Amino acid sequence: MLATGAPLGLCPPRLWAGLRFGSAAAVAAATAIAATTSVPVVRLSMSERELPAAVPGWLVLRIPVGTVWAEEAAFRAALATAGSSAFGKSGGRLLQAAAFGLSHISDARTTGEPLVATVLATGIGGWLFGWLADRSGSLAAPILVHLASNEAGAVAALAVQRHAGIR
């Protein structure tokens, strides 16, 4: 991130734009994830997923810092900046989105999720996160949406498993 000189937009006024865009998109993402828990195939997938034993550490540290911050700094800040310098704004966004999707191959293999669907879905998500970062001028926007998506998915999986008596 430092090597690319990536603009983070974490100071006003860009920060305010990032918080505004990110908050709206985060609410939409979390709502969509919550709504999908009523879909039987989604509930089944959530009930079969192996979740970490240390739930508080997962929700408070691993997701926000180890996943969201690390991925947003790497993909939306560093790689998007380097890619934009090499291939233009659209090319940079496409590069970081493709790399983001491909980076989830091991996750798909570990969880038994369909590989192509996982790469496509996370690639599209990465493109949208990049669009939010570009539109707001702040990394805060994709951070909020990414955080809301991951936390909502984690909480939904926990709730489904607890309701089914799995946890």
C-alpha atoms as a PDB file:
ATOM      1  CA  MET A   1       0.000   0.000   0.000  1.00  0.00           C
ATOM      2  CA  LEU A   2       2.760   2.432   0.934  1.00  0.00           C
ATOM      3  CA  ALA A   3       4.848   1.393  -2.075  1.00  0.00           C
ATOM      4  CA  THR A   4       2.023   2.271  -4.491  1.00  0.00           C
ATOM      5  CA  GLY A   5       1.135   5.598  -2.872  1.00  0.00           C
ATOM      6  CA  ALA A   6      -2.483   4.464  -2.796  1.00  0.00           C
ATOM      7  CA  PRO A   7      -4.852   7.218  -1.689  1.00  0.00           C
ATOM      8  CA  LEU A   8      -6.882   5.853   1.221  1.00  0.00           C
ATOM      9  CA  GLY A   9      -9.323   8.730   1.592  1.00  0.00           C
ATOM     10  CA  LEU A  10      -9.538   8.199   5.344  1.00  0.00           C
ATOM     11  CA  CYS A  11      -9.452  11.911   6.201  1.00  0.00           C
ATOM     12  CA  PRO A  12     -12.274  14.429   5.712  1.00  0.00           C
ATOM     13  CA  PRO A  13     -13.900  15.252   3.342  1.00  0.00           C
ATOM     14  CA  ARG A  14     -13.307  11.953   1.477  1.00  0.00           C
ATOM     15  CA  LEU A  15     -13.887  10.019   4.693  1.00  0.00           C
ATOM     16  CA  TRP A  16     -17.391  11.501   5.023  1.00  0.00           C
ATOM     17  CA  ALA A  17     -18.229  10.490   1.456  1.00  0.00           C
ATOM     18  CA  GLY A  18     -16.889   6.999   2.116  1.00  0.00           C
ATOM     19  CA  LEU A  19     -18.939   6.649   5.289  1.00  0.00           C
ATOM     20  CA  ARG A  20     -22.071   7.907   3.527  1.00  0.00           C
ATOM     21  CA  PHE A  21     -21.763   5.595   0.496  1.00  0.00           C
ATOM     22  CA  GLY A  22     -20.459   2.682   2.557  1.00  0.00           C
ATOM     23  CA  SER A  23     -23.175   2.864   5.190  1.00  0.00           C
ATOM     24  CA  ALA A  24     -25.973   2.814   2.625  1.00  0.00           C
ATOM     25  CA  ALA A  25     -24.425  -0.100   0.737  1.00  0.00           C
ATOM     26  CA  ALA A  26     -23.620  -1.945   3.997  1.00  0.00           C
ATOM     27  CA  VAL A  27     -27.253  -1.816   5.122  1.00  0.00           C
ATOM     28  CA  ALA A  28     -28.368  -3.163   1.735  1.00  0.00           C
ATOM     29  CA  ALA A  29     -25.783  -5.969   1.835  1.00  0.00           C
ATOM     30  CA  ALA A  30     -26.572  -7.035   5.405  1.00  0.00           C
ATOM     31  CA  THR A  31     -30.311  -6.962   4.677  1.00  0.00           C
ATOM     32  CA  ALA A  32     -29.853  -9.123   1.576  1.00  0.00           C
ATOM     33  CA  ILE A  33     -27.761 -11.634   3.504  1.00  0.00           C
ATOM     34  CA  ALA A  34     -30.304 -11.782   6.329  1.00  0.00           C
ATOM     35  CA  ALA A  35     -33.110 -12.306   3.807  1.00  0.00           C
ATOM     36  CA  THR A  36     -31.312 -15.192   2.120  1.00  0.00           C
ATOM     37  CA  THR A  37     -31.283 -17.214   5.341  1.00  0.00           C
ATOM     38  CA  SER A  38     -34.907 -18.101   4.592  1.00  0.00           C
ATOM     39  CA  VAL A  39     -33.845 -19.848   1.358  1.00  0.00           C
ATOM     40  CA  PRO A  40     -33.564 -23.580   2.104  1.00  0.00           C
ATOM     41  CA  VAL A  41     -30.359 -24.209   0.132  1.00  0.00           C
ATOM     42  CA  VAL A  42     -28.691 -21.249   1.850  1.00  0.00           C
ATOM     43  CA  ARG A  43     -29.794 -22.446   5.291  1.00  0.00           C
ATOM     44  CA  LEU A  44     -28.484 -25.927   4.501  1.00  0.00           C
ATOM     45  CA  SER A  45     -25.122 -24.528   3.392  1.00  0.00           C
ATOM     46  CA  MET A  46     -24.894 -22.398   6.545  1.00  0.00           C
ATOM     47  CA  SER A  47     -25.824 -25.332   8.768  1.00  0.00           C
ATOM     48  CA  GLU A  48     -23.115 -27.518   7.202  1.00  0.00           C
ATOM     49  CA  ARG A  49     -20.343 -24.931   7.307  1.00  0.00           C
ATOM     50  CA  GLU A  50     -17.638 -25.484   9.907  1.00  0.00           C
ATOM     51  CA  LEU A  51     -17.300 -22.297  11.933  1.00  0.00           C
ATOM     52  CA  PRO A  52     -14.374 -21.272  14.142  1.00  0.00           C
ATOM     53  CA  ALA A  53     -14.547 -22.378  17.774  1.00  0.00           C
ATOM     54  CA  ALA A  54     -13.429 -18.947  19.017  1.00  0.00           C
ATOM     55  CA  VAL A  55     -16.448 -16.982  17.803  1.00  0.00           C
ATOM     56  CA  PRO A  56     -15.700 -13.667  19.590  1.00  0.00           C
ATOM     57  CA  GLY A  57     -12.164 -13.548  18.164  1.00  0.00           C
ATOM     58  CA  TRP A  58     -13.526 -14.396  14.722  1.00  0.00           C
ATOM     59  CA  LEU A  59     -16.154 -11.652  14.799  1.00  0.00           C
ATOM     60  CA  VAL A  60     -14.118  -8.947  16.543  1.00  0.00           C
ATOM     61  CA  LEU A  61     -10.604  -9.477  15.223  1.00  0.00           C
ATOM     62  CA  ARG A  62     -10.233 -11.989  12.427  1.00  0.00           C
ATOM     63  CA  ILE A  63     -13.016 -10.697  10.154  1.00  0.00           C
ATOM     64  CA  PRO A  64     -12.445  -6.935  10.592  1.00  0.00           C
ATOM     65  CA  VAL A  65      -8.638  -6.904  10.672  1.00  0.00           C
ATOM     66  CA  GLY A  66      -7.430 -10.201   9.224  1.00  0.00           C
ATOM     67  CA  THR A  67      -9.892 -10.270   6.361  1.00  0.00           C
ATOM     68  CA  VAL A  68     -11.567  -6.932   5.650  1.00  0.00           C
ATOM     69  CA  TRP A  69      -8.750  -4.472   6.359  1.00  0.00           C
ATOM     70  CA  ALA A  70      -6.098  -6.752   4.851  1.00  0.00           C
ATOM     71  CA  GLU A  71      -8.088  -7.388   1.664  1.00  0.00           C
ATOM     72  CA  GLU A  72      -9.238  -3.804   1.178  1.00  0.00           C
ATOM     73  CA  ALA A  73      -5.707  -2.481   1.681  1.00  0.00           C
ATOM     74  CA  ALA A  74      -4.276  -5.070  -0.712  1.00  0.00           C
ATOM     75  CA  PHE A  75      -6.917  -5.150  -3.441  1.00  0.00           C
ATOM     76  CA  ARG A  76      -8.803  -1.830  -3.433  1.00  0.00           C
ATOM     77  CA  ALA A  77      -5.861   0.344  -2.364  1.00  0.00           C
ATOM     78  CA  ALA A  78      -2.531  -1.150  -3.485  1.00  0.00           C
ATOM     79  CA  LEU A  79      -3.497  -3.347  -6.446  1.00  0.00           C
ATOM     80  CA  ALA A  80      -6.138  -0.961  -7.806  1.00  0.00           C
ATOM     81  CA  THR A  81      -3.638   1.910  -7.677  1.00  0.00           C
ATOM     82  CA  ALA A  82      -0.876  -0.087  -9.356  1.00  0.00           C
ATOM     83  CA  GLY A  83      -3.322  -1.519 -11.891  1.00  0.00           C
ATOM     84  CA  SER A  84      -4.745   1.916 -12.680  1.00  0.00           C
ATOM     85  CA  SER A  85      -1.251   3.246 -13.317  1.00  0.00           C
ATOM     86  CA  ALA A  86      -0.571   0.394 -15.722  1.00  0.00           C
ATOM     87  CA  PHE A  87      -3.974  -0.145 -17.369  1.00  0.00           C
ATOM     88  CA  GLY A  88      -6.103   2.941 -16.643  1.00  0.00           C
ATOM     89  CA  LYS A  89      -8.918   3.296 -14.114  1.00  0.00           C
ATOM     90  CA  SER A  90     -11.188   0.635 -15.640  1.00  0.00           C
ATOM     91  CA  GLY A  91      -8.322  -1.790 -16.152  1.00  0.00           C
ATOM     92  CA  GLY A  92      -7.156  -1.286 -12.579  1.00  0.00           C
ATOM     93  CA  ARG A  93     -10.626  -1.979 -11.229  1.00  0.00           C
ATOM     94  CA  LEU A  94     -10.937  -5.079 -13.390  1.00  0.00           C
ATOM     95  CA  LEU A  95      -7.485  -6.316 -12.312  1.00  0.00           C
ATOM     96  CA  GLN A  96      -8.184  -5.954  -8.600  1.00  0.00           C
ATOM     97  CA  ALA A  97     -11.637  -7.551  -8.993  1.00  0.00           C
ATOM     98  CA  ALA A  98     -10.234 -10.541 -10.882  1.00  0.00           C
ATOM     99  CA  ALA A  99      -7.420 -10.967  -8.358  1.00  0.00           C
ATOM    100  CA  PHE A 100      -9.933 -10.690  -5.502  1.00  0.00           C
ATOM    101  CA  GLY A 101     -12.117 -13.391  -7.036  1.00  0.00           C
ATOM    102  CA  LEU A 102      -9.161 -15.683  -7.688  1.00  0.00           C
ATOM    103  CA  SER A 103      -7.873 -15.173  -4.140  1.00  0.00           C
ATOM    104  CA  HIS A 104     -10.979 -16.972  -2.879  1.00  0.00           C
ATOM    105  CA  ILE A 105     -10.179 -20.266  -4.635  1.00  0.00           C
ATOM    106  CA  SER A 106      -8.705 -21.809  -1.491  1.00  0.00           C
ATOM    107  CA  ASP A 107     -11.722 -20.675   0.547  1.00  0.00           C
ATOM    108  CA  ALA A 108     -14.057 -22.361  -1.943  1.00  0.00           C
ATOM    109  CA  ARG A 109     -12.029 -25.560  -1.833  1.00  0.00           C
ATOM    110  CA  THR A 110     -11.891 -25.536   1.966  1.00  0.00           C
ATOM    111  CA  THR A 111     -15.634 -25.000   2.379  1.00  0.00           C
ATOM    112  CA  GLY A 112     -16.699 -27.196  -0.548  1.00  0.00           C
ATOM    113  CA  GLU A 113     -18.409 -24.301  -2.313  1.00  0.00           C
ATOM    114  CA  PRO A 114     -18.534 -24.346  -6.123  1.00  0.00           C
ATOM    115  CA  LEU A 115     -15.228 -22.974  -7.389  1.00  0.00           C
ATOM    116  CA  VAL A 116     -16.384 -21.052 -10.471  1.00  0.00           C
ATOM    117  CA  ALA A 117     -19.412 -19.563  -8.698  1.00  0.00           C
ATOM    118  CA  THR A 118     -17.245 -18.451  -5.766  1.00  0.00           C
ATOM    119  CA  VAL A 119     -14.639 -16.811  -8.001  1.00  0.00           C
ATOM    120  CA  LEU A 120     -17.324 -15.067 -10.083  1.00  0.00           C
ATOM    121  CA  ALA A 121     -19.327 -13.887  -7.073  1.00  0.00           C
ATOM    122  CA  THR A 122     -16.305 -12.558  -5.196  1.00  0.00           C
ATOM    123  CA  GLY A 123     -14.918 -11.038  -8.392  1.00  0.00           C
ATOM    124  CA  ILE A 124     -18.181  -9.159  -8.940  1.00  0.00           C
ATOM    125  CA  GLY A 125     -18.138  -8.123  -5.280  1.00  0.00           C
ATOM    126  CA  GLY A 126     -14.557  -6.913  -5.710  1.00  0.00           C
ATOM    127  CA  TRP A 127     -15.560  -4.881  -8.757  1.00  0.00           C
ATOM    128  CA  LEU A 128     -18.416  -3.302  -6.761  1.00  0.00           C
ATOM    129  CA  PHE A 129     -16.088  -2.599  -3.820  1.00  0.00           C
ATOM    130  CA  GLY A 130     -13.677  -0.940  -6.264  1.00  0.00           C
ATOM    131  CA  TRP A 131     -16.490   1.123  -7.766  1.00  0.00           C
ATOM    132  CA  LEU A 132     -17.492   2.290  -4.277  1.00  0.00           C
ATOM    133  CA  ALA A 133     -13.896   3.235  -3.464  1.00  0.00           C
ATOM    134  CA  ASP A 134     -13.600   5.177  -6.742  1.00  0.00           C
ATOM    135  CA  ARG A 135     -17.004   6.832  -6.408  1.00  0.00           C
ATOM    136  CA  SER A 136     -16.494   7.949  -2.813  1.00  0.00           C
ATOM    137  CA  GLY A 137     -12.753   8.544  -2.999  1.00  0.00           C
ATOM    138  CA  SER A 138     -12.399   6.650   0.271  1.00  0.00           C
ATOM    139  CA  LEU A 139     -11.458   3.139   1.290  1.00  0.00           C
ATOM    140  CA  ALA A 140     -14.030   3.537   4.076  1.00  0.00           C
ATOM    141  CA  ALA A 141     -16.877   2.729   1.660  1.00  0.00           C
ATOM    142  CA  PRO A 142     -15.726  -0.741   0.582  1.00  0.00           C
ATOM    143  CA  ILE A 143     -14.465  -1.456   4.103  1.00  0.00           C
ATOM    144  CA  LEU A 144     -17.956  -0.879   5.533  1.00  0.00           C
ATOM    145  CA  VAL A 145     -19.686  -3.011   2.883  1.00  0.00           C
ATOM    146  CA  HIS A 146     -17.105  -5.799   3.076  1.00  0.00           C
ATOM    147  CA  LEU A 147     -17.340  -5.771   6.875  1.00  0.00           C
ATOM    148  CA  ALA A 148     -21.140  -5.795   6.840  1.00  0.00           C
ATOM    149  CA  SER A 149     -21.207  -8.646   4.321  1.00  0.00           C
ATOM    150  CA  ASN A 150     -18.746 -10.827   6.185  1.00  0.00           C
ATOM    151  CA  GLU A 151     -20.153 -10.120   9.650  1.00  0.00           C
ATOM    152  CA  ALA A 152     -23.762 -10.591   8.504  1.00  0.00           C
ATOM    153  CA  GLY A 153     -22.822 -13.894   6.868  1.00  0.00           C
ATOM    154  CA  ALA A 154     -21.005 -15.029   9.995  1.00  0.00           C
ATOM    155  CA  VAL A 155     -23.836 -14.040  12.336  1.00  0.00           C
ATOM    156  CA  ALA A 156     -26.401 -15.634  10.013  1.00  0.00           C
ATOM    157  CA  ALA A 157     -24.432 -18.904   9.930  1.00  0.00           C
ATOM    158  CA  LEU A 158     -24.126 -18.852  13.716  1.00  0.00           C
ATOM    159  CA  ALA A 159     -27.859 -18.208  14.106  1.00  0.00           C
ATOM    160  CA  VAL A 160     -28.800 -20.971  11.664  1.00  0.00           C
ATOM    161  CA  GLN A 161     -26.518 -23.450  13.437  1.00  0.00           C
ATOM    162  CA  ARG A 162     -27.733 -22.474  16.894  1.00  0.00           C
ATOM    163  CA  HIS A 163     -31.371 -22.699  15.775  1.00  0.00           C
ATOM    164  CA  ALA A 164     -30.679 -26.173  14.372  1.00  0.00           C
ATOM    165  CA  GLY A 165     -28.946 -27.154  17.630  1.00  0.00           C
ATOM    166  CA  ILE A 166     -25.584 -27.574  15.941  1.00  0.00           C
ATOM    167  CA  ARG A 167     -23.581 -25.129  18.096  1.00  0.00           C
END
